Amino acid sequence: MTPPSNPPAALADNARNTRRQYRLGESSAARWRLLTDAAAILASDGARPKALSSVLAKALAFLSLEDGVLLETRDDGLHVCAAQGSVSPVGARIMPRYALAAATQHNQQAPVIGHGVSSALRISRDPQVGMEVLVPLHFDGKNCGVLGLLSAPPAPPPNPEDIATLQAAATLLAAAMAASRHTAARPVRPGLAEISEVLTPRELQVFALLPSGMTNAAMGEQLGIATGTVKVHVERILHKLALGDRTQAAVRAADYGFGA
C-alpha cells in the first residue's frame, strides 16, 4: 500500500498555518476598516455627536469590548462627548485622576492600559474592570482628550499593531475635534478617507505631525519610535502620495486639517 503523501503531523501543521494566516488577514482587514470607516464618518459629519458616537462604537467593536467613552479636554476637566455602555453619560465632567491624568499629559502618546483596576469612567456599583485602555488624543502637539475603552471581565490586551491602529484613529478624532473648535463642526476633508487606505496607521500619525515642523527626532520622541524609523515613514509617505518632498507633504497634511 502506498503511504499517504502528507502524514498526519504535516496535515496538522498545514491546518495551523492556514488558520494563522486567516487570523492575520482578518486582523489586518479589521484595522483598515476601523481607520477607513472613521475617516469617512468624520469627513462626512466632522465632530458632531452622532459621528463621534459612531467612531467610538467602531473602536469598541475593533477590540470586541462593550463600554467606552470619548472625552474632550477643557479648562475645567474632561467632558464626555460620546458614551456607550455602563460609563459616565454624555455631558458629564470627569476630573483627570490617576490613569486618566497620565493619559492627558502633553507628552503621553502611548495608550495607558490597566488590568483589574478601578475605573473612574464606570457608573455601575462596581467600578472594577478587567481591562481599561486609555488612548490619548493628540493634535498639533496638544492633548485634546482621551478615547477610553473598557471591558468588565478580564480581556487580552491589544497587540502592538492594534495599538498603532487605535493611535491613528485617535489622531483622526483629535483632528476633527480640534477643527470643530475653530469652526462649527467643520468636517475633515473627504479625501482623508482615501489617504487612510494608502498609509499605514503609523504613517498616518507621522503624516499628521508634518505640518508642525518637528524634526524626525522630535516626532520619534513623541511617537515612541526611533528617528531612523520616522525617516523611513516620511519616505514612504512621499512615495505613496506621489509628493516631491517633505514640504509638499506638510502642505498636503495641513490641507487635510492637520496642524491647523
C-alpha atoms as a PDB file:
ATOM      1  CA  MET A   1       0.000   0.000   0.000  1.00  0.00           C
ATOM      2  CA  THR A   2       1.311   3.413  -0.894  1.00  0.00           C
ATOM      3  CA  PRO A   3       1.763   5.591   2.239  1.00  0.00           C
ATOM      4  CA  PRO A   4      -0.099   8.911   2.287  1.00  0.00           C
ATOM      5  CA  SER A   5       1.884  11.749   0.773  1.00  0.00           C
ATOM      6  CA  ASN A   6       1.022  14.017   3.705  1.00  0.00           C
ATOM      7  CA  PRO A   7       1.427  12.397   7.152  1.00  0.00           C
ATOM      8  CA  PRO A   8      -0.998  13.482   9.938  1.00  0.00           C
ATOM      9  CA  ALA A   9       1.616  15.745  11.585  1.00  0.00           C
ATOM     10  CA  ALA A  10       2.193  17.614   8.329  1.00  0.00           C
ATOM     11  CA  LEU A  11      -1.547  17.983   7.755  1.00  0.00           C
ATOM     12  CA  ALA A  12      -1.963  19.385  11.277  1.00  0.00           C
ATOM     13  CA  ASP A  13       0.863  21.868  10.678  1.00  0.00           C
ATOM     14  CA  ASN A  14      -0.704  22.948   7.398  1.00  0.00           C
ATOM     15  CA  ALA A  15      -4.071  23.432   9.108  1.00  0.00           C
ATOM     16  CA  ARG A  16      -2.490  25.521  11.867  1.00  0.00           C
ATOM     17  CA  ASN A  17      -0.634  27.660   9.329  1.00  0.00           C
ATOM     18  CA  THR A  18      -3.833  28.171   7.368  1.00  0.00           C
ATOM     19  CA  ARG A  19      -5.721  29.253  10.497  1.00  0.00           C
ATOM     20  CA  ARG A  20      -2.855  31.538  11.499  1.00  0.00           C
ATOM     21  CA  GLN A  21      -2.794  33.209   8.092  1.00  0.00           C
ATOM     22  CA  TYR A  22      -6.566  33.600   8.211  1.00  0.00           C
ATOM     23  CA  ARG A  23      -6.419  35.271  11.629  1.00  0.00           C
ATOM     24  CA  LEU A  24      -3.646  37.582  10.467  1.00  0.00           C
ATOM     25  CA  GLY A  25      -5.625  38.505   7.380  1.00  0.00           C
ATOM     26  CA  GLU A  26      -8.769  39.149   9.409  1.00  0.00           C
ATOM     27  CA  SER A  27      -6.843  41.305  11.906  1.00  0.00           C
ATOM     28  CA  SER A  28      -5.292  43.370   9.120  1.00  0.00           C
ATOM     29  CA  ALA A  29      -8.672  43.846   7.454  1.00  0.00           C
ATOM     30  CA  ALA A  30     -10.212  44.923  10.778  1.00  0.00           C
ATOM     31  CA  ARG A  31      -7.506  47.557  11.250  1.00  0.00           C
ATOM     32  CA  TRP A  32      -8.090  49.029   7.806  1.00  0.00           C
ATOM     33  CA  ARG A  33     -11.862  49.003   8.339  1.00  0.00           C
ATOM     34  CA  LEU A  34     -11.557  50.963  11.573  1.00  0.00           C
ATOM     35  CA  LEU A  35      -9.377  53.651  10.001  1.00  0.00           C
ATOM     36  CA  THR A  36     -11.237  53.968   6.702  1.00  0.00           C
ATOM     37  CA  ASP A  37     -14.641  53.958   8.409  1.00  0.00           C
ATOM     38  CA  ALA A  38     -13.522  56.539  10.970  1.00  0.00           C
ATOM     39  CA  ALA A  39     -12.076  58.786   8.271  1.00  0.00           C
ATOM     40  CA  ALA A  40     -15.232  58.505   6.159  1.00  0.00           C
ATOM     41  CA  ILE A  41     -17.524  59.271   9.111  1.00  0.00           C
ATOM     42  CA  LEU A  42     -15.501  62.294  10.222  1.00  0.00           C
ATOM     43  CA  ALA A  43     -15.199  63.503   6.628  1.00  0.00           C
ATOM     44  CA  SER A  44     -18.964  63.447   6.292  1.00  0.00           C
ATOM     45  CA  ASP A  45     -20.065  64.817   9.665  1.00  0.00           C
ATOM     46  CA  GLY A  46     -16.991  66.266  11.374  1.00  0.00           C
ATOM     47  CA  ALA A  47     -17.050  66.218  15.173  1.00  0.00           C
ATOM     48  CA  ARG A  48     -20.820  66.182  15.508  1.00  0.00           C
ATOM     49  CA  PRO A  49     -22.136  63.987  18.346  1.00  0.00           C
ATOM     50  CA  LYS A  50     -23.518  61.283  16.051  1.00  0.00           C
ATOM     51  CA  ALA A  51     -20.198  60.993  14.200  1.00  0.00           C
ATOM     52  CA  LEU A  52     -18.183  60.754  17.414  1.00  0.00           C
ATOM     53  CA  SER A  53     -20.545  58.093  18.776  1.00  0.00           C
ATOM     54  CA  SER A  54     -20.206  56.090  15.565  1.00  0.00           C
ATOM     55  CA  VAL A  55     -16.404  56.167  15.681  1.00  0.00           C
ATOM     56  CA  LEU A  56     -16.456  55.177  19.375  1.00  0.00           C
ATOM     57  CA  ALA A  57     -18.716  52.214  18.580  1.00  0.00           C
ATOM     58  CA  LYS A  58     -16.358  51.068  15.820  1.00  0.00           C
ATOM     59  CA  ALA A  59     -13.335  51.336  18.139  1.00  0.00           C
ATOM     60  CA  LEU A  60     -15.128  49.181  20.707  1.00  0.00           C
ATOM     61  CA  ALA A  61     -16.088  46.617  18.062  1.00  0.00           C
ATOM     62  CA  PHE A  62     -12.478  46.573  16.883  1.00  0.00           C
ATOM     63  CA  LEU A  63     -11.333  45.330  20.315  1.00  0.00           C
ATOM     64  CA  SER A  64     -14.566  43.387  20.984  1.00  0.00           C
ATOM     65  CA  LEU A  65     -15.272  45.490  24.084  1.00  0.00           C
ATOM     66  CA  GLU A  66     -18.596  46.757  25.384  1.00  0.00           C
ATOM     67  CA  ASP A  67     -18.065  50.020  27.298  1.00  0.00           C
ATOM     68  CA  GLY A  68     -16.379  53.187  26.115  1.00  0.00           C
ATOM     69  CA  VAL A  69     -16.247  56.968  26.257  1.00  0.00           C
ATOM     70  CA  LEU A  70     -14.783  59.767  24.215  1.00  0.00           C
ATOM     71  CA  LEU A  71     -13.539  62.597  26.415  1.00  0.00           C
ATOM     72  CA  GLU A  72     -12.684  66.153  25.437  1.00  0.00           C
ATOM     73  CA  THR A  73     -10.135  68.144  27.443  1.00  0.00           C
ATOM     74  CA  ARG A  74     -11.420  71.510  28.673  1.00  0.00           C
ATOM     75  CA  ASP A  75     -10.205  74.010  31.235  1.00  0.00           C
ATOM     76  CA  ASP A  76     -12.373  72.509  33.998  1.00  0.00           C
ATOM     77  CA  GLY A  77     -11.630  68.845  33.316  1.00  0.00           C
ATOM     78  CA  LEU A  78     -12.612  66.109  30.895  1.00  0.00           C
ATOM     79  CA  HIS A  79     -16.080  66.221  29.341  1.00  0.00           C
ATOM     80  CA  VAL A  80     -17.853  63.181  27.890  1.00  0.00           C
ATOM     81  CA  CYS A  81     -18.820  63.826  24.265  1.00  0.00           C
ATOM     82  CA  ALA A  82     -19.707  60.213  23.345  1.00  0.00           C
ATOM     83  CA  ALA A  83     -20.520  57.198  25.502  1.00  0.00           C
ATOM     84  CA  GLN A  84     -21.571  53.570  25.192  1.00  0.00           C
ATOM     85  CA  GLY A  85     -22.353  51.081  27.962  1.00  0.00           C
ATOM     86  CA  SER A  86     -22.048  51.430  31.732  1.00  0.00           C
ATOM     87  CA  VAL A  87     -19.997  54.628  31.696  1.00  0.00           C
ATOM     88  CA  SER A  88     -20.470  58.296  32.502  1.00  0.00           C
ATOM     89  CA  PRO A  89     -23.098  59.815  30.176  1.00  0.00           C
ATOM     90  CA  VAL A  90     -22.608  62.472  27.514  1.00  0.00           C
ATOM     91  CA  GLY A  91     -22.165  65.891  29.116  1.00  0.00           C
ATOM     92  CA  ALA A  92     -20.681  64.565  32.341  1.00  0.00           C
ATOM     93  CA  ARG A  93     -17.481  66.135  33.669  1.00  0.00           C
ATOM     94  CA  ILE A  94     -14.710  63.888  34.953  1.00  0.00           C
ATOM     95  CA  MET A  95     -11.661  65.095  36.806  1.00  0.00           C
ATOM     96  CA  PRO A  96      -8.464  63.574  35.386  1.00  0.00           C
ATOM     97  CA  ARG A  97      -7.001  61.471  38.204  1.00  0.00           C
ATOM     98  CA  TYR A  98      -4.641  58.507  38.308  1.00  0.00           C
ATOM     99  CA  ALA A  99      -4.605  56.743  34.909  1.00  0.00           C
ATOM    100  CA  LEU A 100      -6.734  59.448  33.299  1.00  0.00           C
ATOM    101  CA  ALA A 101      -4.317  62.103  34.471  1.00  0.00           C
ATOM    102  CA  ALA A 102      -1.430  60.158  32.946  1.00  0.00           C
ATOM    103  CA  ALA A 103      -3.305  59.820  29.636  1.00  0.00           C
ATOM    104  CA  THR A 104      -3.826  63.585  29.382  1.00  0.00           C
ATOM    105  CA  GLN A 105      -0.180  64.571  29.806  1.00  0.00           C
ATOM    106  CA  HIS A 106       1.145  66.516  26.805  1.00  0.00           C
ATOM    107  CA  ASN A 107       3.992  64.047  26.306  1.00  0.00           C
ATOM    108  CA  GLN A 108       1.872  60.887  26.706  1.00  0.00           C
ATOM    109  CA  GLN A 109       1.403  59.221  23.323  1.00  0.00           C
ATOM    110  CA  ALA A 110       1.071  55.516  24.080  1.00  0.00           C
ATOM    111  CA  PRO A 111      -2.219  54.185  25.461  1.00  0.00           C
ATOM    112  CA  VAL A 112      -2.401  53.705  29.232  1.00  0.00           C
ATOM    113  CA  ILE A 113      -3.567  50.115  29.754  1.00  0.00           C
ATOM    114  CA  GLY A 114      -4.705  48.763  33.112  1.00  0.00           C
ATOM    115  CA  HIS A 115      -5.852  45.307  34.189  1.00  0.00           C
ATOM    116  CA  GLY A 116      -8.088  44.642  37.176  1.00  0.00           C
ATOM    117  CA  VAL A 117      -8.329  48.342  38.017  1.00  0.00           C
ATOM    118  CA  SER A 118     -10.985  50.640  39.439  1.00  0.00           C
ATOM    119  CA  SER A 119     -12.087  52.849  36.556  1.00  0.00           C
ATOM    120  CA  ALA A 120     -13.252  56.436  37.006  1.00  0.00           C
ATOM    121  CA  LEU A 121     -15.255  56.047  33.800  1.00  0.00           C
ATOM    122  CA  ARG A 122     -17.749  53.448  35.027  1.00  0.00           C
ATOM    123  CA  ILE A 123     -21.014  54.353  36.747  1.00  0.00           C
ATOM    124  CA  SER A 124     -22.004  50.888  37.986  1.00  0.00           C
ATOM    125  CA  ARG A 125     -21.834  49.906  41.639  1.00  0.00           C
ATOM    126  CA  ASP A 126     -18.643  48.016  40.962  1.00  0.00           C
ATOM    127  CA  PRO A 127     -16.097  50.306  39.269  1.00  0.00           C
ATOM    128  CA  GLN A 128     -13.680  47.391  38.869  1.00  0.00           C
ATOM    129  CA  VAL A 129     -12.890  46.480  35.256  1.00  0.00           C
ATOM    130  CA  GLY A 130     -10.966  43.628  33.714  1.00  0.00           C
ATOM    131  CA  MET A 131      -9.182  45.959  31.319  1.00  0.00           C
ATOM    132  CA  GLU A 132      -9.089  49.698  30.674  1.00  0.00           C
ATOM    133  CA  VAL A 133      -7.466  51.168  27.560  1.00  0.00           C
ATOM    134  CA  LEU A 134      -6.996  54.950  27.582  1.00  0.00           C
ATOM    135  CA  VAL A 135      -5.813  56.301  24.231  1.00  0.00           C
ATOM    136  CA  PRO A 136      -4.604  59.942  24.338  1.00  0.00           C
ATOM    137  CA  LEU A 137      -5.980  62.254  21.652  1.00  0.00           C
ATOM    138  CA  HIS A 138      -3.131  64.463  20.434  1.00  0.00           C
ATOM    139  CA  PHE A 139      -3.222  67.107  17.755  1.00  0.00           C
ATOM    140  CA  ASP A 140      -0.743  69.876  16.910  1.00  0.00           C
ATOM    141  CA  GLY A 141       1.368  68.978  19.952  1.00  0.00           C
ATOM    142  CA  LYS A 142      -1.510  69.247  22.419  1.00  0.00           C
ATOM    143  CA  ASN A 143      -3.738  66.816  24.256  1.00  0.00           C
ATOM    144  CA  CYS A 144      -7.386  67.375  23.390  1.00  0.00           C
ATOM    145  CA  GLY A 145      -8.961  64.349  25.024  1.00  0.00           C
ATOM    146  CA  VAL A 146      -8.959  60.610  25.658  1.00  0.00           C
ATOM    147  CA  LEU A 147     -10.573  57.616  23.994  1.00  0.00           C
ATOM    148  CA  GLY A 148     -11.469  55.223  26.817  1.00  0.00           C
ATOM    149  CA  LEU A 149     -12.291  51.568  26.063  1.00  0.00           C
ATOM    150  CA  LEU A 150     -13.323  49.195  28.869  1.00  0.00           C
ATOM    151  CA  SER A 151     -14.038  45.527  29.497  1.00  0.00           C
ATOM    152  CA  ALA A 152     -15.835  44.414  32.657  1.00  0.00           C
ATOM    153  CA  PRO A 153     -14.394  40.862  32.545  1.00  0.00           C
ATOM    154  CA  PRO A 154     -10.678  40.247  32.002  1.00  0.00           C
ATOM    155  CA  ALA A 155      -9.668  40.692  28.367  1.00  0.00           C
ATOM    156  CA  PRO A 156      -6.459  40.181  26.389  1.00  0.00           C
ATOM    157  CA  PRO A 157      -4.513  43.425  25.840  1.00  0.00           C
ATOM    158  CA  PRO A 158      -4.298  44.848  22.307  1.00  0.00           C
ATOM    159  CA  ASN A 159      -1.173  43.843  20.404  1.00  0.00           C
ATOM    160  CA  PRO A 160       1.310  46.440  19.065  1.00  0.00           C
ATOM    161  CA  GLU A 161      -0.379  46.574  15.642  1.00  0.00           C
ATOM    162  CA  ASP A 162      -3.783  47.156  17.255  1.00  0.00           C
ATOM    163  CA  ILE A 163      -2.315  49.865  19.489  1.00  0.00           C
ATOM    164  CA  ALA A 164      -0.831  51.678  16.480  1.00  0.00           C
ATOM    165  CA  THR A 165      -4.234  51.477  14.764  1.00  0.00           C
ATOM    166  CA  LEU A 166      -6.005  52.906  17.818  1.00  0.00           C
ATOM    167  CA  GLN A 167      -3.453  55.733  17.975  1.00  0.00           C
ATOM    168  CA  ALA A 168      -4.058  56.538  14.302  1.00  0.00           C
ATOM    169  CA  ALA A 169      -7.829  56.533  14.863  1.00  0.00           C
ATOM    170  CA  ALA A 170      -7.260  58.816  17.857  1.00  0.00           C
ATOM    171  CA  THR A 171      -5.300  61.180  15.599  1.00  0.00           C
ATOM    172  CA  LEU A 172      -8.283  61.373  13.234  1.00  0.00           C
ATOM    173  CA  LEU A 173     -10.621  62.068  16.148  1.00  0.00           C
ATOM    174  CA  ALA A 174      -8.301  64.705  17.580  1.00  0.00           C
ATOM    175  CA  ALA A 175      -8.070  66.467  14.193  1.00  0.00           C
ATOM    176  CA  ALA A 176     -11.849  66.578  13.842  1.00  0.00           C
ATOM    177  CA  MET A 177     -12.354  67.783  17.416  1.00  0.00           C
ATOM    178  CA  ALA A 178      -9.673  70.467  17.076  1.00  0.00           C
ATOM    179  CA  ALA A 179     -11.208  71.666  13.816  1.00  0.00           C
ATOM    180  CA  SER A 180     -14.639  71.949  15.443  1.00  0.00           C
ATOM    181  CA  ARG A 181     -13.249  74.405  17.976  1.00  0.00           C
ATOM    182  CA  HIS A 182     -12.417  76.862  15.190  1.00  0.00           C
ATOM    183  CA  THR A 183     -15.497  76.391  13.037  1.00  0.00           C
ATOM    184  CA  ALA A 184     -18.862  74.827  13.726  1.00  0.00           C
ATOM    185  CA  ALA A 185     -18.127  71.100  13.445  1.00  0.00           C
ATOM    186  CA  ARG A 186     -16.004  71.534  10.330  1.00  0.00           C
ATOM    187  CA  PRO A 187     -15.650  68.105   8.737  1.00  0.00           C
ATOM    188  CA  VAL A 188     -12.346  66.521   7.917  1.00  0.00           C
ATOM    189  CA  ARG A 189     -11.631  66.778   4.195  1.00  0.00           C
ATOM    190  CA  PRO A 190     -13.298  63.804   2.414  1.00  0.00           C
ATOM    191  CA  GLY A 191     -10.058  62.726   0.708  1.00  0.00           C
ATOM    192  CA  LEU A 192      -8.654  61.751   4.099  1.00  0.00           C
ATOM    193  CA  ALA A 193     -10.652  58.533   3.864  1.00  0.00           C
ATOM    194  CA  GLU A 194      -8.659  57.594   0.782  1.00  0.00           C
ATOM    195  CA  ILE A 195      -5.381  58.564   2.447  1.00  0.00           C
ATOM    196  CA  SER A 196      -6.147  56.288   5.401  1.00  0.00           C
ATOM    197  CA  GLU A 197      -6.459  53.432   2.916  1.00  0.00           C
ATOM    198  CA  VAL A 198      -2.997  54.151   1.499  1.00  0.00           C
ATOM    199  CA  LEU A 199      -0.976  54.919   4.621  1.00  0.00           C
ATOM    200  CA  THR A 200      -0.336  52.532   7.477  1.00  0.00           C
ATOM    201  CA  PRO A 201      -1.529  53.599  10.946  1.00  0.00           C
ATOM    202  CA  ARG A 202       1.975  54.714  11.935  1.00  0.00           C
ATOM    203  CA  GLU A 203       2.494  56.563   8.645  1.00  0.00           C
ATOM    204  CA  LEU A 204      -0.791  58.369   9.239  1.00  0.00           C
ATOM    205  CA  GLN A 205       0.482  59.537  12.623  1.00  0.00           C
ATOM    206  CA  VAL A 206       3.733  60.819  11.089  1.00  0.00           C
ATOM    207  CA  PHE A 207       1.756  62.492   8.283  1.00  0.00           C
ATOM    208  CA  ALA A 208      -0.371  64.305  10.877  1.00  0.00           C
ATOM    209  CA  LEU A 209       2.742  65.698  12.596  1.00  0.00           C
ATOM    210  CA  LEU A 210       4.464  67.043   9.467  1.00  0.00           C
ATOM    211  CA  PRO A 211       2.760  70.482   9.479  1.00  0.00           C
ATOM    212  CA  SER A 212       4.127  71.120  12.984  1.00  0.00           C
ATOM    213  CA  GLY A 213       7.636  71.415  11.552  1.00  0.00           C
ATOM    214  CA  MET A 214       9.012  68.940  14.072  1.00  0.00           C
ATOM    215  CA  THR A 215      12.293  67.199  13.318  1.00  0.00           C
ATOM    216  CA  ASN A 216      12.419  63.452  12.808  1.00  0.00           C
ATOM    217  CA  ALA A 217      13.964  63.141  16.250  1.00  0.00           C
ATOM    218  CA  ALA A 218      11.164  65.155  17.862  1.00  0.00           C
ATOM    219  CA  MET A 219       8.488  63.149  16.070  1.00  0.00           C
ATOM    220  CA  GLY A 220      10.204  59.928  17.059  1.00  0.00           C
ATOM    221  CA  GLU A 221      10.268  61.002  20.700  1.00  0.00           C
ATOM    222  CA  GLN A 222       6.585  61.951  20.599  1.00  0.00           C
ATOM    223  CA  LEU A 223       5.534  58.685  18.933  1.00  0.00           C
ATOM    224  CA  GLY A 224       7.934  56.471  20.850  1.00  0.00           C
ATOM    225  CA  ILE A 225       9.843  55.252  17.781  1.00  0.00           C
ATOM    226  CA  ALA A 226      13.398  55.662  16.514  1.00  0.00           C
ATOM    227  CA  THR A 227      14.481  58.692  14.463  1.00  0.00           C
ATOM    228  CA  GLY A 228      15.514  56.421  11.597  1.00  0.00           C
ATOM    229  CA  THR A 229      12.077  54.801  11.622  1.00  0.00           C
ATOM    230  CA  VAL A 230      10.440  58.222  11.278  1.00  0.00           C
ATOM    231  CA  LYS A 231      12.681  58.942   8.282  1.00  0.00           C
ATOM    232  CA  VAL A 232      11.589  55.695   6.634  1.00  0.00           C
ATOM    233  CA  HIS A 233       7.931  56.543   7.258  1.00  0.00           C
ATOM    234  CA  VAL A 234       8.362  60.003   5.711  1.00  0.00           C
ATOM    235  CA  GLU A 235       9.994  58.500   2.626  1.00  0.00           C
ATOM    236  CA  ARG A 236       7.160  56.012   2.260  1.00  0.00           C
ATOM    237  CA  ILE A 237       4.580  58.777   2.671  1.00  0.00           C
ATOM    238  CA  LEU A 238       6.218  60.775  -0.126  1.00  0.00           C
ATOM    239  CA  HIS A 239       6.256  57.718  -2.375  1.00  0.00           C
ATOM    240  CA  LYS A 240       2.689  56.613  -1.653  1.00  0.00           C
ATOM    241  CA  LEU A 241       1.211  60.099  -2.079  1.00  0.00           C
ATOM    242  CA  ALA A 242       3.431  60.938  -5.079  1.00  0.00           C
ATOM    243  CA  LEU A 243       4.873  64.018  -3.355  1.00  0.00           C
ATOM    244  CA  GLY A 244       8.216  65.585  -4.170  1.00  0.00           C
ATOM    245  CA  ASP A 245       9.499  66.490  -0.733  1.00  0.00           C
ATOM    246  CA  ARG A 246       8.721  66.903   2.938  1.00  0.00           C
ATOM    247  CA  THR A 247       7.396  70.440   2.447  1.00  0.00           C
ATOM    248  CA  GLN A 248       4.807  69.250  -0.039  1.00  0.00           C
ATOM    249  CA  ALA A 249       3.775  66.529   2.389  1.00  0.00           C
ATOM    250  CA  ALA A 250       3.408  69.082   5.199  1.00  0.00           C
ATOM    251  CA  VAL A 251       1.259  71.309   2.975  1.00  0.00           C
ATOM    252  CA  ARG A 252      -0.910  68.339   1.990  1.00  0.00           C
ATOM    253  CA  ALA A 253      -1.337  67.322   5.643  1.00  0.00           C
ATOM    254  CA  ALA A 254      -2.283  70.882   6.604  1.00  0.00           C
ATOM    255  CA  ASP A 255      -4.778  70.891   3.749  1.00  0.00           C
ATOM    256  CA  TYR A 256      -6.486  67.927   5.410  1.00  0.00           C
ATOM    257  CA  GLY A 257      -6.744  69.827   8.689  1.00  0.00           C
ATOM    258  CA  PHE A 258      -3.664  68.521  10.484  1.00  0.00           C
ATOM    259  CA  GLY A 259      -1.641  71.145  12.288  1.00  0.00           C
ATOM    260  CA  ALA A 260      -4.403  73.726  11.873  1.00  0.00           C
END
